Amino acid sequence: MAKMDYEQKLALYDALIASHPKIERKGKTSPYTSVNGHMFSYLSKEGEMGLRLSKEDQAAFVAKYKSEPFIQYGAVMKEYVSVPQALLEITEELKGYLEKSYNFVSSLKPKPTKRKKN
């Protein structure tokens, strides 16, 4: 497996997101997805992808892919797993986990919207 640069990983991330019709990629410089105010996938500036999963799905994902905790700005992001590069390259396999992530976050109570004061 060849080491990929950020642009290649971004293209794979975009292809993954495009595979799910209900999900829209957000963020120009830091790509992410969210629903009801809850972020559930993220691609770091280093090209590392994090995916938010339920406790059960996290445990199964870590066991299957030997995944590490997802760390951003020196802190472990709770409920997130790091997606190995090898899996990022297999959109068909990763699609199922994106769906689980979307469903998990969709089940959470929506965050209140922040309205700008006039």
PDB file of N, CA and C in Angstrom:
ATOM      1  N   MET A   1       0.847  -1.176   0.000  1.00  0.00           N
ATOM      2  CA  MET A   1       0.000   0.000   0.000  1.00  0.00           C
ATOM      3  C   MET A   1       0.893   1.241   0.000  1.00  0.00           C
ATOM      4  N   ALA A   2       0.722   2.059  -1.014  1.00  0.00           N
ATOM      5  CA  ALA A   2       1.521   3.282  -1.140  1.00  0.00           C
ATOM      6  C   ALA A   2       0.963   4.368  -0.231  1.00  0.00           C
ATOM      7  N   LYS A   3       1.846   5.171   0.283  1.00  0.00           N
ATOM      8  CA  LYS A   3       1.441   6.298   1.116  1.00  0.00           C
ATOM      9  C   LYS A   3       0.759   7.326   0.226  1.00  0.00           C
ATOM     10  N   MET A   4      -0.391   7.797   0.658  1.00  0.00           N
ATOM     11  CA  MET A   4      -1.144   8.771  -0.127  1.00  0.00           C
ATOM     12  C   MET A   4      -0.938  10.175   0.415  1.00  0.00           C
ATOM     13  N   ASP A   5      -1.046  11.159  -0.472  1.00  0.00           N
ATOM     14  CA  ASP A   5      -0.983  12.541  -0.015  1.00  0.00           C
ATOM     15  C   ASP A   5      -2.396  13.002   0.361  1.00  0.00           C
ATOM     16  N   TYR A   6      -2.471  14.201   0.908  1.00  0.00           N
ATOM     17  CA  TYR A   6      -3.748  14.732   1.391  1.00  0.00           C
ATOM     18  C   TYR A   6      -4.800  14.783   0.284  1.00  0.00           C
ATOM     19  N   GLU A   7      -4.427  15.230  -0.891  1.00  0.00           N
ATOM     20  CA  GLU A   7      -5.392  15.368  -1.998  1.00  0.00           C
ATOM     21  C   GLU A   7      -6.003  14.014  -2.380  1.00  0.00           C
ATOM     22  N   GLN A   8      -5.202  12.961  -2.348  1.00  0.00           N
ATOM     23  CA  GLN A   8      -5.716  11.627  -2.664  1.00  0.00           C
ATOM     24  C   GLN A   8      -6.702  11.166  -1.589  1.00  0.00           C
ATOM     25  N   LYS A   9      -6.360  11.425  -0.330  1.00  0.00           N
ATOM     26  CA  LYS A   9      -7.252  11.043   0.767  1.00  0.00           C
ATOM     27  C   LYS A   9      -8.542  11.862   0.716  1.00  0.00           C
ATOM     28  N   LEU A  10      -8.423  13.141   0.380  1.00  0.00           N
ATOM     29  CA  LEU A  10      -9.600  13.998   0.264  1.00  0.00           C
ATOM     30  C   LEU A  10     -10.520  13.483  -0.845  1.00  0.00           C
ATOM     31  N   ALA A  11      -9.953  13.058  -1.959  1.00  0.00           N
ATOM     32  CA  ALA A  11     -10.748  12.517  -3.064  1.00  0.00           C
ATOM     33  C   ALA A  11     -11.493  11.249  -2.622  1.00  0.00           C
ATOM     34  N   LEU A  12     -10.837  10.391  -1.836  1.00  0.00           N
ATOM     35  CA  LEU A  12     -11.487   9.186  -1.328  1.00  0.00           C
ATOM     36  C   LEU A  12     -12.587   9.535  -0.335  1.00  0.00           C
ATOM     37  N   TYR A  13     -12.328  10.524   0.531  1.00  0.00           N
ATOM     38  CA  TYR A  13     -13.330  10.985   1.506  1.00  0.00           C
ATOM     39  C   TYR A  13     -14.551  11.528   0.759  1.00  0.00           C
ATOM     40  N   ASP A  14     -14.303  12.355  -0.246  1.00  0.00           N
ATOM     41  CA  ASP A  14     -15.403  12.925  -1.032  1.00  0.00           C
ATOM     42  C   ASP A  14     -16.207  11.832  -1.738  1.00  0.00           C
ATOM     43  N   ALA A  15     -15.523  10.823  -2.278  1.00  0.00           N
ATOM     44  CA  ALA A  15     -16.209   9.715  -2.942  1.00  0.00           C
ATOM     45  C   ALA A  15     -17.082   8.952  -1.949  1.00  0.00           C
ATOM     46  N   LEU A  16     -16.575   8.761  -0.744  1.00  0.00           N
ATOM     47  CA  LEU A  16     -17.344   8.081   0.298  1.00  0.00           C
ATOM     48  C   LEU A  16     -18.601   8.875   0.628  1.00  0.00           C
ATOM     49  N   ILE A  17     -18.458  10.162   0.866  1.00  0.00           N
ATOM     50  CA  ILE A  17     -19.603  11.007   1.219  1.00  0.00           C
ATOM     51  C   ILE A  17     -20.610  11.031   0.069  1.00  0.00           C
ATOM     52  N   ALA A  18     -20.131  11.106  -1.155  1.00  0.00           N
ATOM     53  CA  ALA A  18     -21.005  11.139  -2.330  1.00  0.00           C
ATOM     54  C   ALA A  18     -21.800   9.837  -2.483  1.00  0.00           C
ATOM     55  N   SER A  19     -21.325   8.751  -1.862  1.00  0.00           N
ATOM     56  CA  SER A  19     -22.008   7.463  -1.978  1.00  0.00           C
ATOM     57  C   SER A  19     -23.282   7.409  -1.130  1.00  0.00           C
ATOM     58  N   HIS A  20     -23.498   8.405  -0.289  1.00  0.00           N
ATOM     59  CA  HIS A  20     -24.671   8.439   0.596  1.00  0.00           C
ATOM     60  C   HIS A  20     -25.503   9.673   0.258  1.00  0.00           C
ATOM     61  N   PRO A  21     -26.665   9.497  -0.355  1.00  0.00           N
ATOM     62  CA  PRO A  21     -27.434  10.639  -0.861  1.00  0.00           C
ATOM     63  C   PRO A  21     -27.913  11.633   0.205  1.00  0.00           C
ATOM     64  N   LYS A  22     -28.063  11.207   1.461  1.00  0.00           N
ATOM     65  CA  LYS A  22     -28.558  12.113   2.500  1.00  0.00           C
ATOM     66  C   LYS A  22     -27.453  12.954   3.133  1.00  0.00           C
ATOM     67  N   ILE A  23     -26.200  12.624   2.861  1.00  0.00           N
ATOM     68  CA  ILE A  23     -25.091  13.283   3.546  1.00  0.00           C
ATOM     69  C   ILE A  23     -24.451  14.331   2.642  1.00  0.00           C
ATOM     70  N   GLU A  24     -24.213  15.490   3.225  1.00  0.00           N
ATOM     71  CA  GLU A  24     -23.553  16.579   2.502  1.00  0.00           C
ATOM     72  C   GLU A  24     -22.227  16.886   3.188  1.00  0.00           C
ATOM     73  N   ARG A  25     -21.174  16.981   2.392  1.00  0.00           N
ATOM     74  CA  ARG A  25     -19.876  17.364   2.949  1.00  0.00           C
ATOM     75  C   ARG A  25     -19.886  18.855   3.242  1.00  0.00           C
ATOM     76  N   LYS A  26     -19.348  19.211   4.383  1.00  0.00           N
ATOM     77  CA  LYS A  26     -19.250  20.609   4.788  1.00  0.00           C
ATOM     78  C   LYS A  26     -17.790  20.938   5.041  1.00  0.00           C
ATOM     79  N   GLY A  27     -17.487  22.213   5.202  1.00  0.00           N
ATOM     80  CA  GLY A  27     -16.128  22.640   5.523  1.00  0.00           C
ATOM     81  C   GLY A  27     -15.237  22.728   4.309  1.00  0.00           C
ATOM     82  N   LYS A  28     -14.702  23.912   4.052  1.00  0.00           N
ATOM     83  CA  LYS A  28     -13.811  24.094   2.900  1.00  0.00           C
ATOM     84  C   LYS A  28     -12.396  23.624   3.205  1.00  0.00           C
ATOM     85  N   THR A  29     -11.847  24.047   4.340  1.00  0.00           N
ATOM     86  CA  THR A  29     -10.473  23.674   4.667  1.00  0.00           C
ATOM     87  C   THR A  29     -10.391  22.443   5.564  1.00  0.00           C
ATOM     88  N   SER A  30     -11.423  22.186   6.349  1.00  0.00           N
ATOM     89  CA  SER A  30     -11.482  20.992   7.199  1.00  0.00           C
ATOM     90  C   SER A  30     -12.778  20.253   6.887  1.00  0.00           C
ATOM     91  N   PRO A  31     -12.739  19.316   5.942  1.00  0.00           N
ATOM     92  CA  PRO A  31     -13.962  18.633   5.528  1.00  0.00           C
ATOM     93  C   PRO A  31     -14.568  17.803   6.661  1.00  0.00           C
ATOM     94  N   TYR A  32     -15.899  17.882   6.773  1.00  0.00           N
ATOM     95  CA  TYR A  32     -16.602  17.112   7.792  1.00  0.00           C
ATOM     96  C   TYR A  32     -18.042  16.903   7.352  1.00  0.00           C
ATOM     97  N   THR A  33     -18.755  16.049   8.084  1.00  0.00           N
ATOM     98  CA  THR A  33     -20.183  15.861   7.888  1.00  0.00           C
ATOM     99  C   THR A  33     -20.857  16.018   9.237  1.00  0.00           C
ATOM    100  N   SER A  34     -22.102  16.486   9.198  1.00  0.00           N
ATOM    101  CA  SER A  34     -22.865  16.610  10.441  1.00  0.00           C
ATOM    102  C   SER A  34     -24.352  16.489  10.127  1.00  0.00           C
ATOM    103  N   VAL A  35     -25.102  16.136  11.151  1.00  0.00           N
ATOM    104  CA  VAL A  35     -26.559  16.081  11.064  1.00  0.00           C
ATOM    105  C   VAL A  35     -27.109  16.535  12.415  1.00  0.00           C
ATOM    106  N   ASN A  36     -28.139  17.371  12.360  1.00  0.00           N
ATOM    107  CA  ASN A  36     -28.762  17.918  13.581  1.00  0.00           C
ATOM    108  C   ASN A  36     -27.741  18.571  14.510  1.00  0.00           C
ATOM    109  N   GLY A  37     -26.717  19.182  13.934  1.00  0.00           N
ATOM    110  CA  GLY A  37     -25.717  19.882  14.731  1.00  0.00           C
ATOM    111  C   GLY A  37     -24.625  18.997  15.315  1.00  0.00           C
ATOM    112  N   HIS A  38     -24.635  17.710  15.002  1.00  0.00           N
ATOM    113  CA  HIS A  38     -23.632  16.771  15.515  1.00  0.00           C
ATOM    114  C   HIS A  38     -22.712  16.332  14.378  1.00  0.00           C
ATOM    115  N   MET A  39     -21.417  16.590  14.526  1.00  0.00           N
ATOM    116  CA  MET A  39     -20.443  16.133  13.537  1.00  0.00           C
ATOM    117  C   MET A  39     -20.288  14.616  13.670  1.00  0.00           C
ATOM    118  N   PHE A  40     -20.139  13.929  12.517  1.00  0.00           N
ATOM    119  CA  PHE A  40     -19.961  12.478  12.605  1.00  0.00           C
ATOM    120  C   PHE A  40     -18.850  11.920  11.726  1.00  0.00           C
ATOM    121  N   SER A  41     -18.276  12.719  10.866  1.00  0.00           N
ATOM    122  CA  SER A  41     -17.053  12.294  10.181  1.00  0.00           C
ATOM    123  C   SER A  41     -16.205  13.524   9.947  1.00  0.00           C
ATOM    124  N   TYR A  42     -14.890  13.298   9.824  1.00  0.00           N
ATOM    125  CA  TYR A  42     -13.969  14.418   9.754  1.00  0.00           C
ATOM    126  C   TYR A  42     -12.698  13.960   9.061  1.00  0.00           C
ATOM    127  N   LEU A  43     -12.140  14.835   8.244  1.00  0.00           N
ATOM    128  CA  LEU A  43     -10.848  14.562   7.635  1.00  0.00           C
ATOM    129  C   LEU A  43      -9.894  15.654   8.100  1.00  0.00           C
ATOM    130  N   SER A  44      -8.878  15.262   8.863  1.00  0.00           N
ATOM    131  CA  SER A  44      -7.940  16.235   9.428  1.00  0.00           C
ATOM    132  C   SER A  44      -7.020  16.798   8.354  1.00  0.00           C
ATOM    133  N   LYS A  45      -6.329  17.859   8.702  1.00  0.00           N
ATOM    134  CA  LYS A  45      -5.366  18.471   7.778  1.00  0.00           C
ATOM    135  C   LYS A  45      -4.236  17.507   7.422  1.00  0.00           C
ATOM    136  N   GLU A  46      -4.017  16.504   8.284  1.00  0.00           N
ATOM    137  CA  GLU A  46      -2.995  15.489   8.041  1.00  0.00           C
ATOM    138  C   GLU A  46      -3.532  14.346   7.173  1.00  0.00           C
ATOM    139  N   GLY A  47      -4.834  14.404   6.850  1.00  0.00           N
ATOM    140  CA  GLY A  47      -5.428  13.359   6.021  1.00  0.00           C
ATOM    141  C   GLY A  47      -5.909  12.145   6.803  1.00  0.00           C
ATOM    142  N   GLU A  48      -6.060  12.302   8.111  1.00  0.00           N
ATOM    143  CA  GLU A  48      -6.576  11.214   8.943  1.00  0.00           C
ATOM    144  C   GLU A  48      -8.088  11.367   9.051  1.00  0.00           C
ATOM    145  N   MET A  49      -8.797  10.274   8.819  1.00  0.00           N
ATOM    146  CA  MET A  49     -10.254  10.323   8.903  1.00  0.00           C
ATOM    147  C   MET A  49     -10.737   9.756  10.219  1.00  0.00           C
ATOM    148  N   GLY A  50     -11.673  10.477  10.837  1.00  0.00           N
ATOM    149  CA  GLY A  50     -12.320  10.012  12.051  1.00  0.00           C
ATOM    150  C   GLY A  50     -13.796   9.786  11.779  1.00  0.00           C
ATOM    151  N   LEU A  51     -14.355   8.776  12.423  1.00  0.00           N
ATOM    152  CA  LEU A  51     -15.755   8.423  12.232  1.00  0.00           C
ATOM    153  C   LEU A  51     -16.384   8.205  13.604  1.00  0.00           C
ATOM    154  N   ARG A  52     -17.526   8.829  13.837  1.00  0.00           N
ATOM    155  CA  ARG A  52     -18.220   8.733  15.125  1.00  0.00           C
ATOM    156  C   ARG A  52     -19.176   7.551  15.087  1.00  0.00           C
ATOM    157  N   LEU A  53     -19.039   6.657  16.060  1.00  0.00           N
ATOM    158  CA  LEU A  53     -19.855   5.438  16.100  1.00  0.00           C
ATOM    159  C   LEU A  53     -20.403   5.200  17.499  1.00  0.00           C
ATOM    160  N   SER A  54     -21.471   4.411  17.576  1.00  0.00           N
ATOM    161  CA  SER A  54     -22.001   3.996  18.876  1.00  0.00           C
ATOM    162  C   SER A  54     -20.950   3.131  19.581  1.00  0.00           C
ATOM    163  N   LYS A  55     -21.117   2.937  20.878  1.00  0.00           N
ATOM    164  CA  LYS A  55     -20.146   2.135  21.638  1.00  0.00           C
ATOM    165  C   LYS A  55     -19.994   0.729  21.041  1.00  0.00           C
ATOM    166  N   GLU A  56     -21.114   0.108  20.680  1.00  0.00           N
ATOM    167  CA  GLU A  56     -21.077  -1.244  20.129  1.00  0.00           C
ATOM    168  C   GLU A  56     -20.327  -1.262  18.793  1.00  0.00           C
ATOM    169  N   ASP A  57     -20.656  -0.303  17.916  1.00  0.00           N
ATOM    170  CA  ASP A  57     -20.005  -0.246  16.615  1.00  0.00           C
ATOM    171  C   ASP A  57     -18.525   0.130  16.741  1.00  0.00           C
ATOM    172  N   GLN A  58     -18.201   0.980  17.710  1.00  0.00           N
ATOM    173  CA  GLN A  58     -16.790   1.321  17.962  1.00  0.00           C
ATOM    174  C   GLN A  58     -16.006   0.070  18.312  1.00  0.00           C
ATOM    175  N   ALA A  59     -16.531  -0.708  19.255  1.00  0.00           N
ATOM    176  CA  ALA A  59     -15.836  -1.912  19.714  1.00  0.00           C
ATOM    177  C   ALA A  59     -15.615  -2.884  18.551  1.00  0.00           C
ATOM    178  N   ALA A  60     -16.627  -3.084  17.722  1.00  0.00           N
ATOM    179  CA  ALA A  60     -16.511  -3.998  16.584  1.00  0.00           C
ATOM    180  C   ALA A  60     -15.505  -3.459  15.567  1.00  0.00           C
ATOM    181  N   PHE A  61     -15.523  -2.151  15.313  1.00  0.00           N
ATOM    182  CA  PHE A  61     -14.626  -1.529  14.345  1.00  0.00           C
ATOM    183  C   PHE A  61     -13.174  -1.659  14.806  1.00  0.00           C
ATOM    184  N   VAL A  62     -12.921  -1.334  16.074  1.00  0.00           N
ATOM    185  CA  VAL A  62     -11.560  -1.406  16.619  1.00  0.00           C
ATOM    186  C   VAL A  62     -11.044  -2.839  16.586  1.00  0.00           C
ATOM    187  N   ALA A  63     -11.898  -3.794  16.927  1.00  0.00           N
ATOM    188  CA  ALA A  63     -11.488  -5.201  16.909  1.00  0.00           C
ATOM    189  C   ALA A  63     -11.157  -5.666  15.489  1.00  0.00           C
ATOM    190  N   LYS A  64     -11.965  -5.259  14.528  1.00  0.00           N
ATOM    191  CA  LYS A  64     -11.771  -5.717  13.150  1.00  0.00           C
ATOM    192  C   LYS A  64     -10.587  -5.048  12.469  1.00  0.00           C
ATOM    193  N   TYR A  65     -10.411  -3.736  12.672  1.00  0.00           N
ATOM    194  CA  TYR A  65      -9.399  -2.982  11.923  1.00  0.00           C
ATOM    195  C   TYR A  65      -8.192  -2.552  12.757  1.00  0.00           C
ATOM    196  N   LYS A  66      -8.158  -2.953  14.038  1.00  0.00           N
ATOM    197  CA  LYS A  66      -7.042  -2.568  14.934  1.00  0.00           C
ATOM    198  C   LYS A  66      -6.854  -1.047  14.914  1.00  0.00           C
ATOM    199  N   SER A  67      -7.976  -0.350  14.971  1.00  0.00           N
ATOM    200  CA  SER A  67      -7.998   1.109  14.869  1.00  0.00           C
ATOM    201  C   SER A  67      -7.523   1.769  16.163  1.00  0.00           C
ATOM    202  N   GLU A  68      -6.933   2.926  16.010  1.00  0.00           N
ATOM    203  CA  GLU A  68      -6.462   3.735  17.135  1.00  0.00           C
ATOM    204  C   GLU A  68      -7.537   4.757  17.502  1.00  0.00           C
ATOM    205  N   PRO A  69      -7.439   5.337  18.705  1.00  0.00           N
ATOM    206  CA  PRO A  69      -8.343   6.446  19.033  1.00  0.00           C
ATOM    207  C   PRO A  69      -8.087   7.605  18.067  1.00  0.00           C
ATOM    208  N   PHE A  70      -9.119   8.387  17.801  1.00  0.00           N
ATOM    209  CA  PHE A  70      -8.986   9.536  16.901  1.00  0.00           C
ATOM    210  C   PHE A  70      -8.607  10.738  17.743  1.00  0.00           C
ATOM    211  N   ILE A  71      -7.424  11.290  17.473  1.00  0.00           N
ATOM    212  CA  ILE A  71      -6.889  12.399  18.268  1.00  0.00           C
ATOM    213  C   ILE A  71      -6.796  13.647  17.400  1.00  0.00           C
ATOM    214  N   GLN A  72      -7.357  14.743  17.898  1.00  0.00           N
ATOM    215  CA  GLN A  72      -7.272  16.029  17.219  1.00  0.00           C
ATOM    216  C   GLN A  72      -6.837  17.082  18.218  1.00  0.00           C
ATOM    217  N   TYR A  73      -5.873  17.873  17.838  1.00  0.00           N
ATOM    218  CA  TYR A  73      -5.346  18.952  18.689  1.00  0.00           C
ATOM    219  C   TYR A  73      -4.942  18.424  20.064  1.00  0.00           C
ATOM    220  N   GLY A  74      -4.370  17.223  20.082  1.00  0.00           N
ATOM    221  CA  GLY A  74      -3.854  16.637  21.315  1.00  0.00           C
ATOM    222  C   GLY A  74      -4.895  16.006  22.217  1.00  0.00           C
ATOM    223  N   ALA A  75      -6.145  15.969  21.791  1.00  0.00           N
ATOM    224  CA  ALA A  75      -7.207  15.394  22.619  1.00  0.00           C
ATOM    225  C   ALA A  75      -7.882  14.238  21.885  1.00  0.00           C
ATOM    226  N   VAL A  76      -8.228  13.194  22.651  1.00  0.00           N
ATOM    227  CA  VAL A  76      -8.960  12.074  22.080  1.00  0.00           C
ATOM    228  C   VAL A  76     -10.404  12.520  21.861  1.00  0.00           C
ATOM    229  N   MET A  77     -10.897  12.323  20.655  1.00  0.00           N
ATOM    230  CA  MET A  77     -12.291  12.668  20.369  1.00  0.00           C
ATOM    231  C   MET A  77     -13.172  11.487  20.761  1.00  0.00           C
ATOM    232  N   LYS A  78     -13.987  11.692  21.787  1.00  0.00           N
ATOM    233  CA  LYS A  78     -14.853  10.629  22.293  1.00  0.00           C
ATOM    234  C   LYS A  78     -15.830  10.196  21.206  1.00  0.00           C
ATOM    235  N   GLU A  79     -16.120   8.921  21.186  1.00  0.00           N
ATOM    236  CA  GLU A  79     -17.035   8.268  20.256  1.00  0.00           C
ATOM    237  C   GLU A  79     -16.477   8.141  18.839  1.00  0.00           C
ATOM    238  N   TYR A  80     -15.234   8.576  18.599  1.00  0.00           N
ATOM    239  CA  TYR A  80     -14.641   8.499  17.265  1.00  0.00           C
ATOM    240  C   TYR A  80     -13.606   7.384  17.181  1.00  0.00           C
ATOM    241  N   VAL A  81     -13.508   6.813  15.989  1.00  0.00           N
ATOM    242  CA  VAL A  81     -12.450   5.863  15.673  1.00  0.00           C
ATOM    243  C   VAL A  81     -11.640   6.434  14.515  1.00  0.00           C
ATOM    244  N   SER A  82     -10.370   6.083  14.456  1.00  0.00           N
ATOM    245  CA  SER A  82      -9.535   6.454  13.315  1.00  0.00           C
ATOM    246  C   SER A  82      -9.739   5.422  12.216  1.00  0.00           C
ATOM    247  N   VAL A  83      -9.955   5.909  11.009  1.00  0.00           N
ATOM    248  CA  VAL A  83     -10.142   5.024   9.870  1.00  0.00           C
ATOM    249  C   VAL A  83      -8.779   4.757   9.241  1.00  0.00           C
ATOM    250  N   PRO A  84      -8.333   3.502   9.233  1.00  0.00           N
ATOM    251  CA  PRO A  84      -7.036   3.186   8.619  1.00  0.00           C
ATOM    252  C   PRO A  84      -7.044   3.528   7.121  1.00  0.00           C
ATOM    253  N   GLN A  85      -5.887   3.942   6.601  1.00  0.00           N
ATOM    254  CA  GLN A  85      -5.791   4.307   5.189  1.00  0.00           C
ATOM    255  C   GLN A  85      -6.265   3.172   4.293  1.00  0.00           C
ATOM    256  N   ALA A  86      -5.918   1.939   4.642  1.00  0.00           N
ATOM    257  CA  ALA A  86      -6.310   0.793   3.812  1.00  0.00           C
ATOM    258  C   ALA A  86      -7.831   0.716   3.674  1.00  0.00           C
ATOM    259  N   LEU A  87      -8.564   1.033   4.739  1.00  0.00           N
ATOM    260  CA  LEU A  87     -10.023   1.003   4.687  1.00  0.00           C
ATOM    261  C   LEU A  87     -10.568   2.209   3.933  1.00  0.00           C
ATOM    262  N   LEU A  88      -9.925   3.358   4.071  1.00  0.00           N
ATOM    263  CA  LEU A  88     -10.347   4.553   3.342  1.00  0.00           C
ATOM    264  C   LEU A  88     -10.331   4.293   1.830  1.00  0.00           C
ATOM    265  N   GLU A  89      -9.439   3.416   1.400  1.00  0.00           N
ATOM    266  CA  GLU A  89      -9.316   3.077  -0.014  1.00  0.00           C
ATOM    267  C   GLU A  89     -10.419   2.132  -0.502  1.00  0.00           C
ATOM    268  N   ILE A  90     -11.190   1.558   0.423  1.00  0.00           N
ATOM    269  CA  ILE A  90     -12.237   0.598   0.052  1.00  0.00           C
ATOM    270  C   ILE A  90     -13.610   1.222   0.353  1.00  0.00           C
ATOM    271  N   THR A  91     -14.041   2.092  -0.534  1.00  0.00           N
ATOM    272  CA  THR A  91     -15.290   2.826  -0.325  1.00  0.00           C
ATOM    273  C   THR A  91     -16.454   1.890  -0.045  1.00  0.00           C
ATOM    274  N   GLU A  92     -16.562   0.808  -0.794  1.00  0.00           N
ATOM    275  CA  GLU A  92     -17.693  -0.120  -0.619  1.00  0.00           C
ATOM    276  C   GLU A  92     -17.779  -0.652   0.810  1.00  0.00           C
ATOM    277  N   GLU A  93     -16.645  -0.976   1.404  1.00  0.00           N
ATOM    278  CA  GLU A  93     -16.638  -1.512   2.771  1.00  0.00           C
ATOM    279  C   GLU A  93     -16.898  -0.408   3.789  1.00  0.00           C
ATOM    280  N   LEU A  94     -16.333   0.754   3.558  1.00  0.00           N
ATOM    281  CA  LEU A  94     -16.464   1.871   4.497  1.00  0.00           C
ATOM    282  C   LEU A  94     -17.866   2.473   4.485  1.00  0.00           C
ATOM    283  N   LYS A  95     -18.590   2.329   3.367  1.00  0.00           N
ATOM    284  CA  LYS A  95     -19.952   2.873   3.252  1.00  0.00           C
ATOM    285  C   LYS A  95     -20.863   2.404   4.382  1.00  0.00           C
ATOM    286  N   GLY A  96     -20.744   1.144   4.756  1.00  0.00           N
ATOM    287  CA  GLY A  96     -21.584   0.599   5.823  1.00  0.00           C
ATOM    288  C   GLY A  96     -21.334   1.289   7.153  1.00  0.00           C
ATOM    289  N   TYR A  97     -20.078   1.605   7.422  1.00  0.00           N
ATOM    290  CA  TYR A  97     -19.748   2.294   8.671  1.00  0.00           C
ATOM    291  C   TYR A  97     -20.201   3.750   8.636  1.00  0.00           C
ATOM    292  N   LEU A  98     -20.138   4.379   7.472  1.00  0.00           N
ATOM    293  CA  LEU A  98     -20.647   5.745   7.338  1.00  0.00           C
ATOM    294  C   LEU A  98     -22.150   5.749   7.613  1.00  0.00           C
ATOM    295  N   GLU A  99     -22.852   4.763   7.104  1.00  0.00           N
ATOM    296  CA  GLU A  99     -24.298   4.632   7.345  1.00  0.00           C
ATOM    297  C   GLU A  99     -24.581   4.454   8.838  1.00  0.00           C
ATOM    298  N   LYS A 100     -23.798   3.585   9.509  1.00  0.00           N
ATOM    299  CA  LYS A 100     -23.974   3.377  10.954  1.00  0.00           C
ATOM    300  C   LYS A 100     -23.715   4.674  11.709  1.00  0.00           C
ATOM    301  N   SER A 101     -22.692   5.407  11.294  1.00  0.00           N
ATOM    302  CA  SER A 101     -22.353   6.673  11.926  1.00  0.00           C
ATOM    303  C   SER A 101     -23.496   7.676  11.756  1.00  0.00           C
ATOM    304  N   TYR A 102     -23.995   7.791  10.537  1.00  0.00           N
ATOM    305  CA  TYR A 102     -25.109   8.695  10.240  1.00  0.00           C
ATOM    306  C   TYR A 102     -26.336   8.335  11.084  1.00  0.00           C
ATOM    307  N   ASN A 103     -26.666   7.052  11.140  1.00  0.00           N
ATOM    308  CA  ASN A 103     -27.827   6.604  11.915  1.00  0.00           C
ATOM    309  C   ASN A 103     -27.649   6.867  13.406  1.00  0.00           C
ATOM    310  N   PHE A 104     -26.437   6.634  13.912  1.00  0.00           N
ATOM    311  CA  PHE A 104     -26.151   6.875  15.330  1.00  0.00           C
ATOM    312  C   PHE A 104     -26.345   8.355  15.669  1.00  0.00           C
ATOM    313  N   VAL A 105     -25.753   9.224  14.897  1.00  0.00           N
ATOM    314  CA  VAL A 105     -25.828  10.653  15.185  1.00  0.00           C
ATOM    315  C   VAL A 105     -27.246  11.183  14.946  1.00  0.00           C
ATOM    316  N   SER A 106     -27.946  10.616  13.977  1.00  0.00           N
ATOM    317  CA  SER A 106     -29.335  11.026  13.714  1.00  0.00           C
ATOM    318  C   SER A 106     -30.241  10.699  14.901  1.00  0.00           C
ATOM    319  N   SER A 107     -29.853   9.694  15.702  1.00  0.00           N
ATOM    320  CA  SER A 107     -30.667   9.299  16.855  1.00  0.00           C
ATOM    321  C   SER A 107     -30.436  10.204  18.071  1.00  0.00           C
ATOM    322  N   LEU A 108     -29.404  11.041  18.022  1.00  0.00           N
ATOM    323  CA  LEU A 108     -29.115  11.936  19.142  1.00  0.00           C
ATOM    324  C   LEU A 108     -30.058  13.139  19.118  1.00  0.00           C
ATOM    325  N   LYS A 109     -30.250  13.712  20.295  1.00  0.00           N
ATOM    326  CA  LYS A 109     -31.093  14.910  20.398  1.00  0.00           C
ATOM    327  C   LYS A 109     -30.437  16.037  19.599  1.00  0.00           C
ATOM    328  N   PRO A 110     -31.201  16.707  18.710  1.00  0.00           N
ATOM    329  CA  PRO A 110     -30.602  17.799  17.918  1.00  0.00           C
ATOM    330  C   PRO A 110     -30.045  18.903  18.814  1.00  0.00           C
ATOM    331  N   LYS A 111     -28.917  19.449  18.395  1.00  0.00           N
ATOM    332  CA  LYS A 111     -28.350  20.585  19.115  1.00  0.00           C
ATOM    333  C   LYS A 111     -29.140  21.824  18.739  1.00  0.00           C
ATOM    334  N   PRO A 112     -29.354  22.731  19.696  1.00  0.00           N
ATOM    335  CA  PRO A 112     -30.066  23.965  19.348  1.00  0.00           C
ATOM    336  C   PRO A 112     -29.237  24.783  18.357  1.00  0.00           C
ATOM    337  N   THR A 113     -29.919  25.416  17.430  1.00  0.00           N
ATOM    338  CA  THR A 113     -29.210  26.242  16.457  1.00  0.00           C
ATOM    339  C   THR A 113     -28.790  27.549  17.102  1.00  0.00           C
ATOM    340  N   LYS A 114     -27.675  28.055  16.632  1.00  0.00           N
ATOM    341  CA  LYS A 114     -27.183  29.334  17.149  1.00  0.00           C
ATOM    342  C   LYS A 114     -27.584  30.411  16.160  1.00  0.00           C
ATOM    343  N   ARG A 115     -28.472  31.275  16.572  1.00  0.00           N
ATOM    344  CA  ARG A 115     -28.928  32.336  15.696  1.00  0.00           C
ATOM    345  C   ARG A 115     -28.109  33.582  15.941  1.00  0.00           C
ATOM    346  N   LYS A 116     -27.773  34.255  14.886  1.00  0.00           N
ATOM    347  CA  LYS A 116     -27.026  35.494  15.011  1.00  0.00           C
ATOM    348  C   LYS A 116     -27.960  36.596  15.494  1.00  0.00           C
ATOM    349  N   LYS A 117     -27.458  37.366  16.458  1.00  0.00           N
ATOM    350  CA  LYS A 117     -28.258  38.485  16.968  1.00  0.00           C
ATOM    351  C   LYS A 117     -28.106  39.668  16.028  1.00  0.00           C
ATOM    352  N   ASN A 118     -29.210  40.368  15.799  1.00  0.00           N
ATOM    353  CA  ASN A 118     -29.162  41.546  14.908  1.00  0.00           C
ATOM    354  C   ASN A 118     -28.657  42.765  15.615  1.00  0.00           C
TER     355      ASN A 118
END
